[in-house]
Amino acid sequence: MSQPLDTAALAALFTDARTHGAWTDEPVSDDQIRQLYDLVKMGPTSVNSSPARFVFVRTPEGKRRLAPALSAGNRDKTLAAPVTVIAAWDAAFHEQLPALFPHADAKPWVAATPEAAHKTASVNSTLQAGYLILAARALGLDTGPMAGFDADRVDAEFFAGTAWKSNLLINLGHGDASKLHGRLPRLDFDTAARLA
């Protein structure tokens, strides 16, 4: 990509985009979810490891299963969201590397030790969750990421018998802008960054 995005696109992705906690009744279709994933999967990860796994909780039954794991402050907004994404990572992600990174044997690079595998999975799945937030905004959807949940309960309910581990939750839908608070401050460059 050689051309910068225009101001409207930057606003949709960053400067005007907000984290939502209240939702309209407008649904998110399965086709939109698939389109969202098709964008997310294109984001770069270390050795194309793609360790993130996503469960799109969108049915009343799915929300019922998720509810006991939610913190009190996140319960109502999560149950009201059309979709809640369980953004997880696959502890066995390296098993996919022969297909995902065929021009070299990358499996030993990231699976040499449990610590190396965990770091690769954790860092890159979090990166992919960030891609999901930006891809959702690019598609006209709003998000509400959060960490206020019992990960062990989510894993037991949704990932029993697998190597998947939950990382964060992301509510997804069309946010109710009338319920937004004022934008919170951000750190300026000199506080948060350095030129070296």
Foldseek 3Di string as FASTA:
>chain_A
DPDDDDPVLCCLQPVVADAFQAADPDAQDPVNVVVLVVQLLPDDAVLSLPFKDKDKQADPVSLVLQQVFADPVRRPSQSRFRTKIQIKGFLVSLVCNCVRNVVDNCSCVQVVDSVSSVVRRQVRSVVSVSSSQSSLSVVVKHKHKDDGTRFVSCCVRPPPPGRITTDIMMGMGHHDVVPDDPDDDDDDCVVPHDDD
